[in-house]
Amino acid sequence: MSDIFMYDFGDGNGAVEARRHSNGGGIVALTATVADTAYIGEDARVFGNANVADNARVFGGAEVSGNARVYGDAYVFNNARVFGSAEVSETAWVHGDSEVFGSARVFGNAQVFGDAEVYNNARVFENAKVSGTVLVYGDSLVYGNARILENAWVSGNARVFGNAKVSGTVLVYGKAQVYGNAKIYENSWIYENAQVFGKARVYGKAHVYGHADVYGNTQVYENARVSGNAEIYGDMKVSSDMSGDEPMPSV
């Protein structure tokens, strides 16, 4: 066909056969599959064995490659990259300079943007938003109306959901769960089997871990370490160490 030309996508495979997509004019390798209904903008690239289907839109300087799939009414735009075996679907948006790769999934009305990276087997879905220089990876789940912002990391089997907000240089990992209207920020860590929920706040350089539960209107801050089977609730403000073997301090 006369519209086929050689193009180097910069993936180490050299120049390969490609064409301009009929809907948008973006460059698509002949090895990739793009539906006629999908939009590939003029500066976008689809290559490898990638599949862009349904009414999905890839535009700006975005790239979809490897074995990645973008389908439904999903958008991938700006300089975002979706590759590996990752999937972006339903009405999700991946944009900015973000990357979704590995076997990660972004779906529902979720958004991944800024310089965020979502990878391994992580899932971001429903109305969740992940932005900044955030990393979401491992088998972690971010969903509901959760927000992961700034330099936060969510990994392992961690769950962040509900209206929870995680920001700053926070780490949430292991089997930790953050949900409800909880806010985790500054340099705090939530890990192992800990749970933070309700309207609890964890900030400063505090750590919550073990099987600890922090909920209600509690604040855990400064260099506090809450661990073991500790249960911190009500309107408590905790700035020192507590474990499950210690009595609750008086209000």
C-alpha atoms as a PDB file:
ATOM      1  CA  MET A   1       0.000   0.000   0.000  1.00  0.00           C
ATOM      2  CA  SER A   2       1.291   3.416  -0.943  1.00  0.00           C
ATOM      3  CA  ASP A   3       0.486   4.948   2.477  1.00  0.00           C
ATOM      4  CA  ILE A   4       2.889   2.631   4.298  1.00  0.00           C
ATOM      5  CA  PHE A   5       6.281   4.070   5.230  1.00  0.00           C
ATOM      6  CA  MET A   6       9.243   3.203   7.444  1.00  0.00           C
ATOM      7  CA  TYR A   7       9.355   4.843  10.866  1.00  0.00           C
ATOM      8  CA  ASP A   8      11.652   4.518  13.887  1.00  0.00           C
ATOM      9  CA  PHE A   9       9.636   4.678  17.115  1.00  0.00           C
ATOM     10  CA  GLY A  10      12.803   4.850  19.212  1.00  0.00           C
ATOM     11  CA  ASP A  11      12.150   1.548  20.984  1.00  0.00           C
ATOM     12  CA  GLY A  12      15.351  -0.134  19.850  1.00  0.00           C
ATOM     13  CA  ASN A  13      13.739  -2.010  16.967  1.00  0.00           C
ATOM     14  CA  GLY A  14      14.820   0.438  14.311  1.00  0.00           C
ATOM     15  CA  ALA A  15      12.562   1.549  11.479  1.00  0.00           C
ATOM     16  CA  VAL A  16       9.413  -0.514  11.011  1.00  0.00           C
ATOM     17  CA  GLU A  17       6.458  -0.310   8.683  1.00  0.00           C
ATOM     18  CA  ALA A  18       3.883   2.240   9.783  1.00  0.00           C
ATOM     19  CA  ARG A  19       0.979   4.289   8.541  1.00  0.00           C
ATOM     20  CA  ARG A  20      -1.038   7.352   9.476  1.00  0.00           C
ATOM     21  CA  HIS A  21      -4.274   6.493  11.231  1.00  0.00           C
ATOM     22  CA  SER A  22      -7.357   7.512   9.277  1.00  0.00           C
ATOM     23  CA  ASN A  23      -8.925   9.154  12.332  1.00  0.00           C
ATOM     24  CA  GLY A  24      -6.494  11.789  13.578  1.00  0.00           C
ATOM     25  CA  GLY A  25      -3.387  11.124  11.514  1.00  0.00           C
ATOM     26  CA  GLY A  26      -1.171   9.679  14.275  1.00  0.00           C
ATOM     27  CA  ILE A  27       1.555   7.200  13.379  1.00  0.00           C
ATOM     28  CA  VAL A  28       0.648   3.541  13.951  1.00  0.00           C
ATOM     29  CA  ALA A  29       3.029   0.625  13.437  1.00  0.00           C
ATOM     30  CA  LEU A  30       1.588  -2.128  11.249  1.00  0.00           C
ATOM     31  CA  THR A  31       2.174  -4.525  14.140  1.00  0.00           C
ATOM     32  CA  ALA A  32      -0.277  -2.534  16.320  1.00  0.00           C
ATOM     33  CA  THR A  33      -4.067  -2.730  16.142  1.00  0.00           C
ATOM     34  CA  VAL A  34      -6.141   0.439  16.127  1.00  0.00           C
ATOM     35  CA  ALA A  35      -9.882   0.530  15.533  1.00  0.00           C
ATOM     36  CA  ASP A  36     -11.260   2.917  12.924  1.00  0.00           C
ATOM     37  CA  THR A  37     -13.437   4.409  15.685  1.00  0.00           C
ATOM     38  CA  ALA A  38     -10.424   5.237  17.869  1.00  0.00           C
ATOM     39  CA  TYR A  39      -8.745   8.638  17.554  1.00  0.00           C
ATOM     40  CA  ILE A  40      -4.960   8.847  17.246  1.00  0.00           C
ATOM     41  CA  GLY A  41      -3.857  12.485  17.146  1.00  0.00           C
ATOM     42  CA  GLU A  42      -1.256  13.670  14.674  1.00  0.00           C
ATOM     43  CA  ASP A  43       1.617  13.719  17.194  1.00  0.00           C
ATOM     44  CA  ALA A  44       0.662  10.486  18.983  1.00  0.00           C
ATOM     45  CA  ARG A  45       2.326   7.119  18.414  1.00  0.00           C
ATOM     46  CA  VAL A  46       1.019   3.561  18.694  1.00  0.00           C
ATOM     47  CA  PHE A  47       3.498   0.746  18.149  1.00  0.00           C
ATOM     48  CA  GLY A  48       4.653  -2.709  19.161  1.00  0.00           C
ATOM     49  CA  ASN A  49       1.651  -4.988  19.631  1.00  0.00           C
ATOM     50  CA  ALA A  50      -0.458  -2.305  21.271  1.00  0.00           C
ATOM     51  CA  ASN A  51      -4.224  -2.248  20.807  1.00  0.00           C
ATOM     52  CA  VAL A  52      -6.352   0.904  20.826  1.00  0.00           C
ATOM     53  CA  ALA A  53     -10.028   0.067  20.472  1.00  0.00           C
ATOM     54  CA  ASP A  54     -13.587   1.381  20.707  1.00  0.00           C
ATOM     55  CA  ASN A  55     -13.790   5.168  21.135  1.00  0.00           C
ATOM     56  CA  ALA A  56     -10.467   5.564  22.906  1.00  0.00           C
ATOM     57  CA  ARG A  57      -8.432   8.699  22.159  1.00  0.00           C
ATOM     58  CA  VAL A  58      -4.648   8.973  22.119  1.00  0.00           C
ATOM     59  CA  PHE A  59      -3.348  12.431  21.339  1.00  0.00           C
ATOM     60  CA  GLY A  60      -0.787  15.110  22.104  1.00  0.00           C
ATOM     61  CA  GLY A  61       2.627  13.476  22.302  1.00  0.00           C
ATOM     62  CA  ALA A  62       1.238  10.333  23.960  1.00  0.00           C
ATOM     63  CA  GLU A  63       2.512   6.832  23.194  1.00  0.00           C
ATOM     64  CA  VAL A  64       0.901   3.424  23.536  1.00  0.00           C
ATOM     65  CA  SER A  65       3.246   0.502  22.974  1.00  0.00           C
ATOM     66  CA  GLY A  66       4.271  -3.021  23.900  1.00  0.00           C
ATOM     67  CA  ASN A  67       1.210  -5.161  24.563  1.00  0.00           C
ATOM     68  CA  ALA A  68      -0.736  -2.320  26.141  1.00  0.00           C
ATOM     69  CA  ARG A  69      -4.459  -1.852  25.564  1.00  0.00           C
ATOM     70  CA  VAL A  70      -6.447   1.377  25.588  1.00  0.00           C
ATOM     71  CA  TYR A  71     -10.162   0.945  25.040  1.00  0.00           C
ATOM     72  CA  GLY A  72     -13.661   2.018  25.938  1.00  0.00           C
ATOM     73  CA  ASP A  73     -13.809   5.823  26.108  1.00  0.00           C
ATOM     74  CA  ALA A  74     -10.385   6.189  27.712  1.00  0.00           C
ATOM     75  CA  TYR A  75      -8.067   9.126  26.985  1.00  0.00           C
ATOM     76  CA  VAL A  76      -4.266   9.027  26.878  1.00  0.00           C
ATOM     77  CA  PHE A  77      -2.805  12.418  26.099  1.00  0.00           C
ATOM     78  CA  ASN A  78      -0.142  15.087  26.641  1.00  0.00           C
ATOM     79  CA  ASN A  79       3.151  13.151  26.944  1.00  0.00           C
ATOM     80  CA  ALA A  80       1.727  10.133  28.783  1.00  0.00           C
ATOM     81  CA  ARG A  81       2.990   6.640  28.030  1.00  0.00           C
ATOM     82  CA  VAL A  82       1.133   3.350  28.375  1.00  0.00           C
ATOM     83  CA  PHE A  83       3.241   0.273  27.727  1.00  0.00           C
ATOM     84  CA  GLY A  84       4.083  -3.254  28.816  1.00  0.00           C
ATOM     85  CA  SER A  85       0.831  -5.153  29.323  1.00  0.00           C
ATOM     86  CA  ALA A  86      -0.953  -2.222  30.963  1.00  0.00           C
ATOM     87  CA  GLU A  87      -4.601  -1.390  30.288  1.00  0.00           C
ATOM     88  CA  VAL A  88      -6.481   1.906  30.381  1.00  0.00           C
ATOM     89  CA  SER A  89     -10.219   1.583  29.894  1.00  0.00           C
ATOM     90  CA  GLU A  90     -13.755   2.821  30.501  1.00  0.00           C
ATOM     91  CA  THR A  91     -13.581   6.632  30.907  1.00  0.00           C
ATOM     92  CA  ALA A  92     -10.166   6.817  32.576  1.00  0.00           C
ATOM     93  CA  TRP A  93      -7.642   9.524  31.697  1.00  0.00           C
ATOM     94  CA  VAL A  94      -3.873   9.133  31.680  1.00  0.00           C
ATOM     95  CA  HIS A  95      -2.150  12.395  30.903  1.00  0.00           C
ATOM     96  CA  GLY A  96       0.641  14.821  31.732  1.00  0.00           C
ATOM     97  CA  ASP A  97       4.002  13.044  31.784  1.00  0.00           C
ATOM     98  CA  SER A  98       2.614  10.013  33.603  1.00  0.00           C
ATOM     99  CA  GLU A  99       3.350   6.379  32.826  1.00  0.00           C
ATOM    100  CA  VAL A 100       1.218   3.259  33.229  1.00  0.00           C
ATOM    101  CA  PHE A 101       3.078   0.025  32.589  1.00  0.00           C
ATOM    102  CA  GLY A 102       3.729  -3.541  33.668  1.00  0.00           C
ATOM    103  CA  SER A 103       0.361  -5.222  34.199  1.00  0.00           C
ATOM    104  CA  ALA A 104      -1.226  -2.152  35.787  1.00  0.00           C
ATOM    105  CA  ARG A 105      -4.853  -1.202  35.154  1.00  0.00           C
ATOM    106  CA  VAL A 106      -6.466   2.239  35.194  1.00  0.00           C
ATOM    107  CA  PHE A 107     -10.224   2.252  34.683  1.00  0.00           C
ATOM    108  CA  GLY A 108     -13.559   3.682  35.743  1.00  0.00           C
ATOM    109  CA  ASN A 109     -13.324   7.482  35.939  1.00  0.00           C
ATOM    110  CA  ALA A 110      -9.828   7.402  37.385  1.00  0.00           C
ATOM    111  CA  GLN A 111      -7.104   9.835  36.404  1.00  0.00           C
ATOM    112  CA  VAL A 112      -3.331   9.420  36.453  1.00  0.00           C
ATOM    113  CA  PHE A 113      -1.369  12.557  35.630  1.00  0.00           C
ATOM    114  CA  GLY A 114       1.611  14.767  36.459  1.00  0.00           C
ATOM    115  CA  ASP A 115       4.738  12.604  36.632  1.00  0.00           C
ATOM    116  CA  ALA A 116       2.945   9.719  38.335  1.00  0.00           C
ATOM    117  CA  GLU A 117       3.836   6.095  37.639  1.00  0.00           C
ATOM    118  CA  VAL A 118       1.436   3.183  38.042  1.00  0.00           C
ATOM    119  CA  TYR A 119       2.982  -0.217  37.443  1.00  0.00           C
ATOM    120  CA  ASN A 120       3.373  -3.893  38.387  1.00  0.00           C
ATOM    121  CA  ASN A 121      -0.161  -5.165  39.135  1.00  0.00           C
ATOM    122  CA  ALA A 122      -1.480  -1.961  40.669  1.00  0.00           C
ATOM    123  CA  ARG A 123      -5.055  -0.851  40.035  1.00  0.00           C
ATOM    124  CA  VAL A 124      -6.396   2.707  40.022  1.00  0.00           C
ATOM    125  CA  PHE A 125     -10.134   2.908  39.462  1.00  0.00           C
ATOM    126  CA  GLU A 126     -13.547   4.400  40.222  1.00  0.00           C
ATOM    127  CA  ASN A 127     -12.979   8.164  40.781  1.00  0.00           C
ATOM    128  CA  ALA A 128      -9.469   7.989  42.180  1.00  0.00           C
ATOM    129  CA  LYS A 129      -6.822  10.527  41.161  1.00  0.00           C
ATOM    130  CA  VAL A 130      -3.081   9.942  41.218  1.00  0.00           C
ATOM    131  CA  SER A 131      -0.809  12.883  40.442  1.00  0.00           C
ATOM    132  CA  GLY A 132       2.526  14.522  41.182  1.00  0.00           C
ATOM    133  CA  THR A 133       5.618  12.310  41.287  1.00  0.00           C
ATOM    134  CA  VAL A 134       3.594   9.542  42.909  1.00  0.00           C
ATOM    135  CA  LEU A 135       4.406   5.835  42.572  1.00  0.00           C
ATOM    136  CA  VAL A 136       1.605   3.262  42.805  1.00  0.00           C
ATOM    137  CA  TYR A 137       2.902  -0.261  42.338  1.00  0.00           C
ATOM    138  CA  GLY A 138       2.990  -3.841  43.566  1.00  0.00           C
ATOM    139  CA  ASP A 139      -0.527  -5.214  44.014  1.00  0.00           C
ATOM    140  CA  SER A 140      -1.868  -2.030  45.542  1.00  0.00           C
ATOM    141  CA  LEU A 141      -5.359  -0.652  44.930  1.00  0.00           C
ATOM    142  CA  VAL A 142      -6.390   2.999  44.825  1.00  0.00           C
ATOM    143  CA  TYR A 143     -10.092   3.576  44.319  1.00  0.00           C
ATOM    144  CA  GLY A 144     -13.253   5.355  45.391  1.00  0.00           C
ATOM    145  CA  ASN A 145     -12.562   9.098  45.595  1.00  0.00           C
ATOM    146  CA  ALA A 146      -9.050   8.607  46.938  1.00  0.00           C
ATOM    147  CA  ARG A 147      -6.309  11.086  46.108  1.00  0.00           C
ATOM    148  CA  ILE A 148      -2.611  10.212  45.970  1.00  0.00           C
ATOM    149  CA  LEU A 149      -0.567  13.378  45.544  1.00  0.00           C
ATOM    150  CA  GLU A 150       2.862  14.984  45.551  1.00  0.00           C
ATOM    151  CA  ASN A 151       5.641  12.425  46.274  1.00  0.00           C
ATOM    152  CA  ALA A 152       3.645   9.657  47.941  1.00  0.00           C
ATOM    153  CA  TRP A 153       4.262   5.941  47.340  1.00  0.00           C
ATOM    154  CA  VAL A 154       1.600   3.231  47.613  1.00  0.00           C
ATOM    155  CA  SER A 155       2.852  -0.324  47.214  1.00  0.00           C
ATOM    156  CA  GLY A 156       2.646  -3.953  48.265  1.00  0.00           C
ATOM    157  CA  ASN A 157      -0.951  -4.974  48.960  1.00  0.00           C
ATOM    158  CA  ALA A 158      -1.917  -1.587  50.341  1.00  0.00           C
ATOM    159  CA  ARG A 159      -5.414  -0.181  49.825  1.00  0.00           C
ATOM    160  CA  VAL A 160      -6.317   3.509  49.690  1.00  0.00           C
ATOM    161  CA  PHE A 161      -9.996   4.200  49.096  1.00  0.00           C
ATOM    162  CA  GLY A 162     -13.084   6.105  50.136  1.00  0.00           C
ATOM    163  CA  ASN A 163     -12.300   9.828  50.397  1.00  0.00           C
ATOM    164  CA  ALA A 164      -8.812   9.253  51.760  1.00  0.00           C
ATOM    165  CA  LYS A 165      -6.021  11.632  50.813  1.00  0.00           C
ATOM    166  CA  VAL A 166      -2.343  10.665  50.827  1.00  0.00           C
ATOM    167  CA  SER A 167       0.195  13.383  50.052  1.00  0.00           C
ATOM    168  CA  GLY A 168       3.679  14.651  50.852  1.00  0.00           C
ATOM    169  CA  THR A 169       6.466  12.054  50.948  1.00  0.00           C
ATOM    170  CA  VAL A 170       4.234   9.455  52.585  1.00  0.00           C
ATOM    171  CA  LEU A 171       4.698   5.685  52.247  1.00  0.00           C
ATOM    172  CA  VAL A 172       1.714   3.325  52.418  1.00  0.00           C
ATOM    173  CA  TYR A 173       2.714  -0.297  51.962  1.00  0.00           C
ATOM    174  CA  GLY A 174       2.463  -3.882  53.155  1.00  0.00           C
ATOM    175  CA  LYS A 175      -1.209  -4.691  53.775  1.00  0.00           C
ATOM    176  CA  ALA A 176      -2.025  -1.263  55.158  1.00  0.00           C
ATOM    177  CA  GLN A 177      -5.404   0.339  54.514  1.00  0.00           C
ATOM    178  CA  VAL A 178      -6.247   4.028  54.455  1.00  0.00           C
ATOM    179  CA  TYR A 179      -9.891   4.922  53.915  1.00  0.00           C
ATOM    180  CA  GLY A 180     -12.887   6.943  54.994  1.00  0.00           C
ATOM    181  CA  ASN A 181     -11.886  10.615  55.211  1.00  0.00           C
ATOM    182  CA  ALA A 182      -8.422   9.911  56.569  1.00  0.00           C
ATOM    183  CA  LYS A 183      -5.506  12.138  55.595  1.00  0.00           C
ATOM    184  CA  ILE A 184      -1.895  11.009  55.605  1.00  0.00           C
ATOM    185  CA  TYR A 185       0.682  13.666  54.835  1.00  0.00           C
ATOM    186  CA  GLU A 186       4.134  15.172  55.351  1.00  0.00           C
ATOM    187  CA  ASN A 187       6.659  12.333  55.988  1.00  0.00           C
ATOM    188  CA  SER A 188       4.512   9.712  57.691  1.00  0.00           C
ATOM    189  CA  TRP A 189       4.462   5.956  56.990  1.00  0.00           C
ATOM    190  CA  ILE A 190       1.559   3.504  57.189  1.00  0.00           C
ATOM    191  CA  TYR A 191       2.530  -0.134  56.774  1.00  0.00           C
ATOM    192  CA  GLU A 192       2.226  -3.813  57.705  1.00  0.00           C
ATOM    193  CA  ASN A 193      -1.451  -4.435  58.639  1.00  0.00           C
ATOM    194  CA  ALA A 194      -2.239  -0.998  60.007  1.00  0.00           C
ATOM    195  CA  GLN A 195      -5.516   0.764  59.271  1.00  0.00           C
ATOM    196  CA  VAL A 196      -6.182   4.489  59.317  1.00  0.00           C
ATOM    197  CA  PHE A 197      -9.758   5.570  58.706  1.00  0.00           C
ATOM    198  CA  GLY A 198     -12.615   7.802  59.812  1.00  0.00           C
ATOM    199  CA  LYS A 199     -11.342  11.396  59.978  1.00  0.00           C
ATOM    200  CA  ALA A 200      -7.960  10.452  61.387  1.00  0.00           C
ATOM    201  CA  ARG A 201      -4.838  12.436  60.518  1.00  0.00           C
ATOM    202  CA  VAL A 202      -1.315  11.059  60.463  1.00  0.00           C
ATOM    203  CA  TYR A 203       1.465  13.526  59.715  1.00  0.00           C
ATOM    204  CA  GLY A 204       4.898  14.767  60.657  1.00  0.00           C
ATOM    205  CA  LYS A 205       7.273  11.781  60.768  1.00  0.00           C
ATOM    206  CA  ALA A 206       4.787   9.460  62.456  1.00  0.00           C
ATOM    207  CA  HIS A 207       4.642   5.732  61.718  1.00  0.00           C
ATOM    208  CA  VAL A 208       1.568   3.529  62.122  1.00  0.00           C
ATOM    209  CA  TYR A 209       2.244  -0.178  61.682  1.00  0.00           C
ATOM    210  CA  GLY A 210       1.724  -3.684  63.007  1.00  0.00           C
ATOM    211  CA  HIS A 211      -2.012  -4.291  63.481  1.00  0.00           C
ATOM    212  CA  ALA A 212      -2.670  -0.810  64.783  1.00  0.00           C
ATOM    213  CA  ASP A 213      -5.989   0.931  64.088  1.00  0.00           C
ATOM    214  CA  VAL A 214      -6.196   4.710  64.049  1.00  0.00           C
ATOM    215  CA  TYR A 215      -9.635   6.223  63.522  1.00  0.00           C
ATOM    216  CA  GLY A 216     -12.202   8.751  64.668  1.00  0.00           C
ATOM    217  CA  ASN A 217     -10.793  12.292  64.829  1.00  0.00           C
ATOM    218  CA  THR A 218      -7.410  11.123  66.067  1.00  0.00           C
ATOM    219  CA  GLN A 219      -4.197  12.888  65.177  1.00  0.00           C
ATOM    220  CA  VAL A 220      -0.884  11.039  65.180  1.00  0.00           C
ATOM    221  CA  TYR A 221       2.072  13.313  64.523  1.00  0.00           C
ATOM    222  CA  GLU A 222       5.666  14.367  65.210  1.00  0.00           C
ATOM    223  CA  ASN A 223       7.822  11.219  65.638  1.00  0.00           C
ATOM    224  CA  ALA A 224       5.106   9.016  67.108  1.00  0.00           C
ATOM    225  CA  ARG A 225       5.218   5.270  66.550  1.00  0.00           C
ATOM    226  CA  VAL A 226       1.858   3.493  66.847  1.00  0.00           C
ATOM    227  CA  SER A 227       2.285  -0.251  66.558  1.00  0.00           C
ATOM    228  CA  GLY A 228       1.309  -3.709  67.743  1.00  0.00           C
ATOM    229  CA  ASN A 229      -2.423  -4.012  68.388  1.00  0.00           C
ATOM    230  CA  ALA A 230      -2.825  -0.394  69.382  1.00  0.00           C
ATOM    231  CA  GLU A 231      -6.246   1.151  68.872  1.00  0.00           C
ATOM    232  CA  ILE A 232      -6.267   4.936  68.788  1.00  0.00           C
ATOM    233  CA  TYR A 233      -9.645   6.605  68.388  1.00  0.00           C
ATOM    234  CA  GLY A 234     -11.896   9.436  69.468  1.00  0.00           C
ATOM    235  CA  ASP A 235     -10.271  12.868  69.592  1.00  0.00           C
ATOM    236  CA  MET A 236      -6.864  11.664  70.725  1.00  0.00           C
ATOM    237  CA  LYS A 237      -3.689  13.502  69.798  1.00  0.00           C
ATOM    238  CA  VAL A 238      -0.690  11.197  69.903  1.00  0.00           C
ATOM    239  CA  SER A 239       2.865  12.451  69.521  1.00  0.00           C
ATOM    240  CA  SER A 240       4.698   9.694  71.433  1.00  0.00           C
ATOM    241  CA  ASP A 241       5.056   5.949  70.985  1.00  0.00           C
ATOM    242  CA  MET A 242       2.156   3.583  71.659  1.00  0.00           C
ATOM    243  CA  SER A 243       1.677  -0.140  71.223  1.00  0.00           C
ATOM    244  CA  GLY A 244      -1.155  -2.526  71.973  1.00  0.00           C
ATOM    245  CA  ASP A 245       0.381  -3.317  75.375  1.00  0.00           C
ATOM    246  CA  GLU A 246      -0.054   0.209  76.644  1.00  0.00           C
ATOM    247  CA  PRO A 247      -3.234   1.792  78.041  1.00  0.00           C
ATOM    248  CA  MET A 248      -4.951   4.545  76.127  1.00  0.00           C
ATOM    249  CA  PRO A 249      -3.782   7.903  77.471  1.00  0.00           C
ATOM    250  CA  SER A 250      -6.469   9.936  79.170  1.00  0.00           C
ATOM    251  CA  VAL A 251      -8.140  12.710  77.229  1.00  0.00           C
END
